[in-house]
Protein backbone atom coordinates (compact mmCIF):
# COMPACT_ATOMS: atom_id res chain seq x y z
CA MET A 1 -11.57 -13.98 -10.48
CA GLU A 2 -13.17 -12.92 -7.38
CA ARG A 3 -15.18 -9.55 -7.57
CA ILE A 4 -13.88 -6.64 -5.55
CA ILE A 5 -16.08 -3.81 -4.20
CA ASP A 6 -14.89 -0.33 -5.10
CA ASN A 7 -17.59 1.90 -3.09
CA PRO A 8 -15.76 2.84 0.01
CA ASP A 9 -19.13 3.29 1.73
CA GLU A 10 -20.05 -0.24 1.01
CA ARG A 11 -16.73 -1.57 2.13
CA THR A 12 -16.92 0.39 5.59
CA TRP A 13 -20.26 -0.98 6.16
CA GLY A 14 -19.30 -4.51 5.18
CA MET A 15 -16.45 -4.25 7.47
CA LEU A 16 -18.69 -2.92 10.21
CA CYS A 17 -20.73 -6.14 9.70
CA HIS A 18 -17.91 -7.97 11.17
CA LEU A 19 -16.45 -5.67 13.50
CA SER A 20 -19.79 -4.95 15.43
CA ALA A 21 -19.48 -8.48 16.67
CA LEU A 22 -16.48 -7.42 18.79
CA ALA A 23 -19.10 -5.40 20.77
CA GLY A 24 -19.82 -8.82 22.62
CA TYR A 25 -16.22 -8.62 23.96
CA ILE A 26 -16.66 -5.06 25.18
CA ILE A 27 -20.35 -4.75 26.24
CA PRO A 28 -21.43 -7.29 28.87
CA ILE A 29 -24.90 -8.08 27.33
CA PRO A 30 -25.60 -11.73 26.27
CA PHE A 31 -25.49 -12.36 22.61
CA MET A 32 -24.11 -8.73 21.93
CA ASN A 33 -21.83 -10.61 19.39
CA ILE A 34 -25.08 -11.46 17.38
CA ILE A 35 -26.78 -8.18 18.02
CA GLY A 36 -24.19 -5.92 16.59
CA PRO A 37 -23.97 -7.56 13.18
CA LEU A 38 -27.72 -7.88 13.06
CA ILE A 39 -28.27 -4.21 13.41
CA VAL A 40 -25.69 -3.34 10.86
CA TYR A 41 -27.20 -5.98 8.53
CA ASN A 42 -30.78 -4.65 8.87
CA ILE A 43 -29.77 -1.08 8.44
CA LYS A 44 -27.80 -1.51 5.13
CA LYS A 45 -28.85 -4.61 3.52
CA GLN A 46 -31.42 -3.03 1.24
CA GLU A 47 -28.75 -0.41 0.15
CA TYR A 48 -25.71 -2.60 -0.64
CA ASP A 49 -25.36 -6.04 -1.76
CA PHE A 50 -22.02 -6.44 -0.34
CA VAL A 51 -23.27 -5.42 3.25
CA GLU A 52 -26.11 -8.04 2.83
CA ASP A 53 -23.70 -10.77 1.82
CA GLN A 54 -21.17 -10.03 4.64
CA GLY A 55 -23.91 -9.28 7.28
CA LYS A 56 -25.25 -12.80 6.46
CA GLU A 57 -21.68 -14.28 6.83
CA ALA A 58 -20.90 -12.48 9.89
CA LEU A 59 -24.32 -13.55 11.56
CA ASN A 60 -23.82 -16.95 10.50
CA PHE A 61 -20.39 -17.13 12.00
CA GLN A 62 -21.29 -15.50 15.28
CA ILE A 63 -24.19 -17.60 15.76
CA THR A 64 -22.01 -20.77 15.05
CA MET A 65 -19.46 -19.62 17.68
CA THR A 66 -22.38 -18.92 20.12
CA LEU A 67 -23.70 -22.36 19.83
CA ALA A 68 -20.15 -23.85 20.13
CA LEU A 69 -19.47 -21.81 23.31
CA LEU A 70 -23.02 -23.11 24.73
CA VAL A 71 -21.65 -26.57 24.24
CA ALA A 72 -18.16 -25.66 25.79
CA VAL A 73 -20.07 -24.29 28.92
CA VAL A 74 -21.98 -27.68 29.24
CA LEU A 75 -18.56 -29.48 28.81
CA ALA A 76 -17.03 -27.17 31.69
CA LEU A 77 -18.78 -29.66 33.96
CA ILE A 78 -16.22 -32.24 33.14
CA LEU A 79 -13.39 -29.59 32.97
CA ILE A 80 -12.51 -29.79 29.22
CA GLY A 81 -15.06 -27.00 28.51
CA PHE A 82 -12.93 -24.29 30.13
CA LEU A 83 -10.06 -25.06 27.52
CA LEU A 84 -12.58 -24.95 24.73
CA MET A 85 -14.26 -21.77 25.85
CA GLY A 86 -10.91 -19.94 25.60
CA LEU A 87 -10.02 -21.59 22.20
CA ILE A 88 -13.33 -20.50 20.75
CA ALA A 89 -13.15 -17.09 21.78
CA LEU A 90 -9.74 -16.82 20.51
CA PHE A 91 -10.68 -18.39 17.08
CA SER A 92 -13.78 -16.12 16.96
CA LEU A 93 -11.74 -12.95 17.81
CA ILE A 94 -9.06 -13.82 15.24
CA PHE A 95 -11.38 -14.62 12.29
CA THR A 96 -13.63 -11.85 13.03
CA ILE A 97 -10.81 -9.47 12.62
CA ILE A 98 -9.57 -11.27 9.43
CA GLY A 99 -13.28 -10.93 8.13
CA ALA A 100 -13.26 -7.30 8.88
CA VAL A 101 -9.97 -6.68 7.07
CA LYS A 102 -11.01 -8.47 3.92
CA ALA A 103 -14.44 -6.63 3.82
CA SER A 104 -12.45 -3.35 4.10
CA GLN A 105 -10.39 -4.42 1.04
CA GLY A 106 -13.63 -5.04 -0.83
CA GLU A 107 -13.41 -8.75 -0.99
CA PHE A 108 -16.16 -11.21 -0.09
CA TYR A 109 -14.97 -13.17 2.88
CA ARG A 110 -16.05 -16.71 3.95
CA TYR A 111 -15.35 -17.87 7.56
CA PRO A 112 -13.64 -21.43 7.65
CA ILE A 113 -16.26 -22.78 9.93
CA SER A 114 -19.79 -21.49 9.75
CA TYR A 115 -23.21 -23.17 9.60
CA ARG A 116 -25.52 -21.30 7.21
CA PHE A 117 -28.53 -20.58 9.28
CA ILE A 118 -29.33 -17.41 7.23
CA LYS A 119 -29.17 -17.99 3.54
């Protein structure tokens, strides 16, 4: 059986690890989708194990999506990249929201596609 986190503060900060990535959609600063989770992770990783876990998960996913987006930008030279950029952005948005909802419920969420850069 999977462990569920009961502490509401811990769940909120875990959720913010995921939601802070959406700042990349709002604030036009390069790599803001990575900077947001990195800030939350670094602020609370010592205090809560759940935040450390979900922060790593959010960071790994956002780094993976950023690399995929960079590949799509290169592929835009042969036109297929434009479609891929839209699909990657949509995929990232949907799974970031799912991750935030799961974390707010105290569940340890794992993204379906994510390379483990931070272990």
